[in-house]
Amino acid sequence: MSRQTDKRIPSTTPDEPRMTIAGLLGVPVPPKPSPSLPVSGAPAAPAPAKKWKGPPIEIWISKQGRAGKAVSLLKSNVNGAEAQTLLVALKRRLAVGGALKDGEILLQTADRARVALALQDQGYPSKICGG
């Protein structure tokens, strides 16, 4: 068996400019934006998370009445429209299903650490409870 020779084009050095299609056609290429400068239209910084004034949200695991499937129960004093907006934000962030039942937020995941991080990003203190 004979060896095939490497027919790839050698890469350029950092001092050598790379040839682009625009360069071949004679079209001027605009310089790349500096990574330190913010791109126009993009938000400069994320909005600060609101601070929850109540007790920390307790994160429990429950399998009862769910055919052995583990779900996370969030027990807190968050209620009404604020609980619904928190549920929607958590479902989107964690990519899981969930519901609001009897004042508790029910998420279809057993990963309590991810839930705690998502709550922290939303500005809510949390506490992992149970075994």
Protein backbone atom coordinates (compact mmCIF):
# COMPACT_ATOMS: atom_id res chain seq x y z
CA MET A 1 0.00 0.00 0.00
CA SER A 2 1.34 3.40 -0.90
CA ARG A 3 1.10 6.40 1.32
CA GLN A 4 -0.95 9.31 0.18
CA THR A 5 0.76 12.66 0.29
CA ASP A 6 -0.77 15.47 2.28
CA LYS A 7 -2.37 17.82 -0.25
CA ARG A 8 -3.75 20.32 2.23
CA ILE A 9 -2.89 23.98 1.89
CA PRO A 10 -0.48 25.06 4.62
CA SER A 11 -1.91 27.47 7.17
CA THR A 12 -0.78 31.06 7.24
CA THR A 13 1.30 32.57 9.99
CA PRO A 14 -0.17 35.30 12.23
CA ASP A 15 1.82 37.96 10.31
CA GLU A 16 0.43 36.84 6.94
CA PRO A 17 -3.13 37.96 6.13
CA ARG A 18 -5.54 35.21 5.14
CA MET A 19 -6.85 35.42 1.63
CA THR A 20 -10.62 35.72 1.47
CA ILE A 21 -13.04 35.62 -1.44
CA ALA A 22 -13.64 39.34 -1.03
CA GLY A 23 -9.88 39.88 -1.26
CA LEU A 24 -9.71 37.83 -4.44
CA LEU A 25 -12.50 39.89 -5.99
CA GLY A 26 -10.87 43.17 -4.96
CA VAL A 27 -13.66 44.16 -2.57
CA PRO A 28 -12.43 45.96 0.56
CA VAL A 29 -13.04 43.96 3.73
CA PRO A 30 -14.13 45.92 6.83
CA PRO A 31 -12.04 45.29 9.96
CA LYS A 32 -13.40 42.86 12.55
CA PRO A 33 -14.92 44.51 15.64
CA SER A 34 -12.80 44.51 18.74
CA PRO A 35 -13.96 41.93 21.33
CA SER A 36 -13.61 44.49 24.12
CA LEU A 37 -16.16 46.86 22.57
CA PRO A 38 -19.87 46.02 22.83
CA VAL A 39 -21.62 45.30 19.55
CA SER A 40 -24.31 47.82 18.72
CA GLY A 41 -27.80 46.58 19.37
CA ALA A 42 -26.67 44.02 21.97
CA PRO A 43 -27.39 44.65 25.65
CA ALA A 44 -24.34 45.90 27.53
CA ALA A 45 -25.05 43.91 30.70
CA PRO A 46 -27.80 41.61 31.94
CA ALA A 47 -30.51 43.25 33.96
CA PRO A 48 -29.96 42.89 37.70
CA ALA A 49 -32.17 40.26 39.29
CA LYS A 50 -34.83 41.49 41.67
CA LYS A 51 -34.37 40.73 45.35
CA TRP A 52 -36.93 38.50 47.05
CA LYS A 53 -37.73 39.82 50.53
CA GLY A 54 -39.39 36.68 51.91
CA PRO A 55 -37.98 33.44 53.29
CA PRO A 56 -35.96 31.19 50.96
CA ILE A 57 -37.86 28.95 48.56
CA GLU A 58 -37.68 25.31 49.67
CA ILE A 59 -36.91 22.73 46.97
CA TRP A 60 -38.29 19.26 47.73
CA ILE A 61 -38.32 15.99 45.74
CA SER A 62 -41.56 14.02 45.56
CA LYS A 63 -42.51 10.71 43.93
CA GLN A 64 -45.90 10.22 45.57
CA GLY A 65 -48.82 9.81 43.19
CA ARG A 66 -46.64 10.13 40.08
CA ALA A 67 -45.95 6.49 39.14
CA GLY A 68 -42.44 6.64 40.63
CA LYS A 69 -41.35 9.68 38.60
CA ALA A 70 -39.45 12.24 40.64
CA VAL A 71 -40.52 15.89 40.49
CA SER A 72 -39.28 19.00 42.27
CA LEU A 73 -41.73 20.85 44.50
CA LEU A 74 -41.02 24.49 45.26
CA LYS A 75 -42.71 25.61 48.48
CA SER A 76 -42.72 29.33 49.20
CA ASN A 77 -44.78 32.41 49.93
CA VAL A 78 -44.68 33.42 46.26
CA ASN A 79 -48.26 33.48 45.03
CA GLY A 80 -50.54 34.77 42.33
CA ALA A 81 -49.18 36.33 39.18
CA GLU A 82 -45.62 36.38 40.52
CA ALA A 83 -45.70 32.59 41.01
CA GLN A 84 -46.99 32.13 37.46
CA THR A 85 -44.24 34.32 35.95
CA LEU A 86 -41.63 32.48 38.04
CA LEU A 87 -43.00 29.13 36.82
CA VAL A 88 -42.83 30.21 33.17
CA ALA A 89 -39.25 31.52 33.62
CA LEU A 90 -38.10 28.31 35.32
CA LYS A 91 -39.72 26.07 32.71
CA ARG A 92 -37.98 27.97 29.92
CA ARG A 93 -34.63 28.11 31.67
CA LEU A 94 -34.60 24.41 32.66
CA ALA A 95 -36.41 23.10 29.55
CA VAL A 96 -38.82 21.03 31.63
CA GLY A 97 -42.55 20.84 32.15
CA GLY A 98 -44.29 22.08 35.23
CA ALA A 99 -47.46 23.32 36.85
CA LEU A 100 -48.75 25.50 39.65
CA LYS A 101 -50.86 23.40 42.06
CA ASP A 102 -52.16 24.36 45.50
CA GLY A 103 -49.73 27.28 45.74
CA GLU A 104 -46.71 25.07 45.02
CA ILE A 105 -44.62 25.11 41.86
CA LEU A 106 -44.16 21.60 40.48
CA LEU A 107 -41.26 21.04 38.02
CA GLN A 108 -40.70 17.78 36.15
CA THR A 109 -37.04 17.38 37.07
CA ALA A 110 -35.15 15.79 39.95
CA ASP A 111 -32.07 18.01 39.49
CA ARG A 112 -32.48 20.30 42.49
CA ALA A 113 -29.07 21.93 41.99
CA ARG A 114 -30.10 23.26 38.56
CA VAL A 115 -33.38 24.49 40.00
CA ALA A 116 -31.52 26.28 42.81
CA LEU A 117 -29.20 27.99 40.31
CA ALA A 118 -32.13 29.06 38.15
CA LEU A 119 -33.88 30.52 41.20
CA GLN A 120 -30.72 32.36 42.18
CA ASP A 121 -30.49 33.86 38.69
CA GLN A 122 -34.08 35.07 39.05
CA GLY A 123 -33.21 36.76 42.37
CA TYR A 124 -34.85 34.26 44.73
CA PRO A 125 -32.90 32.62 47.58
CA SER A 126 -33.42 28.88 47.76
CA LYS A 127 -32.84 26.01 50.15
CA ILE A 128 -32.59 22.33 49.17
CA CYS A 129 -34.69 20.30 51.61
CA GLY A 130 -35.21 16.59 52.19
CA GLY A 131 -32.88 13.66 51.54
